[in-house]
Protein backbone atom coordinates (compact mmCIF):
# COMPACT_ATOMS: atom_id res chain seq x y z
CA GLN A 1 5.15 -19.67 0.03
CA VAL A 2 4.80 -15.95 -0.46
CA ARG A 3 3.33 -13.98 2.41
CA LEU A 4 2.52 -10.29 2.70
CA VAL A 5 1.47 -9.20 6.16
CA GLU A 6 0.13 -5.70 6.74
CA SER A 7 0.07 -3.96 10.09
CA GLY A 8 -0.41 -0.50 11.54
CA GLY A 9 -4.06 0.11 10.84
CA GLY A 10 -6.47 1.45 13.43
CA LEU A 11 -8.88 4.19 14.40
CA VAL A 12 -7.72 7.79 14.09
CA GLN A 13 -9.37 11.19 14.11
CA ALA A 14 -9.50 13.31 10.99
CA GLY A 15 -6.23 15.17 10.53
CA GLY A 16 -4.25 12.44 12.25
CA SER A 17 -1.58 10.11 10.94
CA LEU A 18 -0.93 6.40 10.64
CA ARG A 19 1.97 4.39 9.28
CA LEU A 20 1.19 1.10 7.62
CA SER A 21 3.80 -1.61 7.18
CA CYS A 22 3.83 -4.65 4.95
CA ALA A 23 6.34 -7.38 5.67
CA ALA A 24 7.08 -9.74 2.79
CA SER A 25 8.47 -13.26 2.92
CA GLY A 26 8.92 -16.13 0.51
CA LEU A 27 10.06 -13.95 -2.37
CA THR A 28 13.10 -11.97 -3.48
CA PHE A 29 11.72 -8.65 -2.33
CA SER A 30 14.14 -6.53 -4.36
CA ASN A 31 12.72 -8.06 -7.57
CA TYR A 32 9.20 -6.85 -6.89
CA HIS A 33 7.42 -3.58 -7.41
CA MET A 34 5.13 -2.94 -4.45
CA GLY A 35 1.76 -1.27 -4.23
CA TRP A 36 -0.84 -0.20 -1.72
CA PHE A 37 -4.53 -0.45 -2.53
CA ARG A 38 -7.65 0.15 -0.49
CA GLN A 39 -11.25 -0.99 -0.52
CA ALA A 40 -14.16 0.64 1.23
CA PRO A 41 -17.41 -1.25 1.88
CA GLY A 42 -19.48 -1.50 -1.27
CA LYS A 43 -16.72 -0.10 -3.46
CA GLU A 44 -14.12 -1.56 -5.76
CA ARG A 45 -10.52 -1.92 -4.72
CA GLU A 46 -8.62 1.19 -5.75
CA PHE A 47 -5.01 2.12 -6.23
CA VAL A 48 -3.34 4.23 -3.56
CA ALA A 49 0.41 4.21 -4.15
CA ALA A 50 3.20 2.20 -5.76
CA ILE A 51 6.95 2.03 -5.51
CA TYR A 52 9.21 0.39 -8.01
CA LEU A 53 12.45 -1.51 -7.41
CA SER A 54 14.24 1.77 -7.16
CA SER A 55 12.73 3.85 -4.41
CA SER A 56 13.10 6.89 -6.61
CA ASN A 57 10.09 5.75 -8.65
CA THR A 58 6.90 6.33 -6.71
CA TYR A 59 3.34 6.89 -7.83
CA TYR A 60 0.20 8.09 -6.08
CA SER A 61 -3.48 8.41 -6.74
CA ASP A 62 -4.69 11.98 -6.98
CA SER A 63 -6.76 11.54 -3.83
CA VAL A 64 -3.72 10.89 -1.62
CA LYS A 65 -0.97 12.81 -3.39
CA GLY A 66 0.72 15.20 -0.99
CA ARG A 67 -0.64 13.41 2.08
CA PHE A 68 0.64 9.85 1.77
CA THR A 69 4.22 8.65 1.25
CA ILE A 70 5.23 5.18 0.15
CA SER A 71 8.69 3.84 0.91
CA ARG A 72 10.51 0.53 1.07
CA ASP A 73 13.38 -1.04 2.93
CA ASN A 74 14.77 -3.89 0.85
CA ALA A 75 17.02 -5.00 3.71
CA LYS A 76 13.92 -5.58 5.85
CA ASN A 77 11.67 -6.84 3.04
CA THR A 78 9.15 -4.21 4.08
CA VAL A 79 7.12 -1.53 2.36
CA TYR A 80 5.55 1.35 4.25
CA LEU A 81 2.73 3.80 3.75
CA GLN A 82 2.91 6.96 5.82
CA MET A 83 -0.52 8.54 5.89
CA ASN A 84 -0.88 12.13 7.08
CA SER A 85 -3.82 14.55 7.19
CA LEU A 86 -6.22 11.64 7.16
CA LYS A 87 -9.82 12.22 6.11
CA PRO A 88 -12.98 10.21 6.74
CA GLY A 89 -12.92 9.35 3.04
CA ASP A 90 -9.68 7.44 3.61
CA THR A 91 -11.57 4.87 5.69
CA ALA A 92 -11.03 1.47 4.07
CA ALA A 93 -9.23 -1.82 4.30
CA TYR A 94 -5.69 -1.28 3.03
CA TYR A 95 -3.87 -4.00 1.13
CA CYS A 96 -0.29 -4.29 0.00
CA ALA A 97 0.55 -6.13 -3.18
CA ALA A 98 3.66 -7.33 -5.00
CA ARG A 99 4.34 -7.43 -8.73
CA PHE A 100 7.35 -9.14 -10.30
CA PHE A 101 9.48 -6.49 -11.96
CA ALA A 102 9.56 -8.18 -15.39
CA TYR A 103 5.81 -8.05 -15.84
CA GLY A 104 4.38 -5.12 -17.74
CA GLY A 105 1.26 -3.12 -17.22
CA SER A 106 0.16 -0.18 -15.18
CA TYR A 107 1.20 0.18 -11.56
CA SER A 108 -2.43 0.96 -10.71
CA ASP A 109 -3.91 -2.16 -12.30
CA THR A 110 -4.84 -4.69 -9.63
CA SER A 111 -4.71 -7.55 -12.15
CA ARG A 112 -0.98 -6.97 -12.64
CA TYR A 113 -0.11 -7.84 -9.05
CA ASP A 114 0.85 -11.42 -8.21
CA HIS A 115 0.57 -11.48 -4.45
CA TRP A 116 -1.68 -9.77 -1.92
CA GLY A 117 -1.80 -9.35 1.82
CA GLN A 118 -4.85 -9.93 3.99
CA GLY A 119 -5.43 -6.22 4.61
CA THR A 120 -5.46 -3.90 7.58
CA GLN A 121 -8.39 -1.68 8.51
CA VAL A 122 -8.04 2.09 8.68
CA THR A 123 -10.92 4.05 10.13
CA VAL A 124 -10.90 7.84 10.22
CA SER A 125 -13.49 9.52 12.40
CA SER A 126 -14.76 13.04 11.79
């Protein structure tokens, strides 16, 4: 059974930092592209960042580019999201997701991801 478990969320003031982690089990982690998405109340789930099998391939939404960094440790079956210079607009539930490498489609398309975590809440106060 595949499990993705996020951690590291919390309450932080604007300008602060958080590091999210997502621990994966039940799959061959090195065969999966990984993504982070977020969903604010009343809004659709949106793409934040993605990292392919090779950590040299990373992608970001325009809203977080330059502030967030995605990384992965295949030895620990874990993907991370370092979030700096946080803004109140970053407040949302953050989800990690896994997509088998052989499947096509855009890294930002939620429908292309096979497995999802339960989410971790990030709240940024002004």
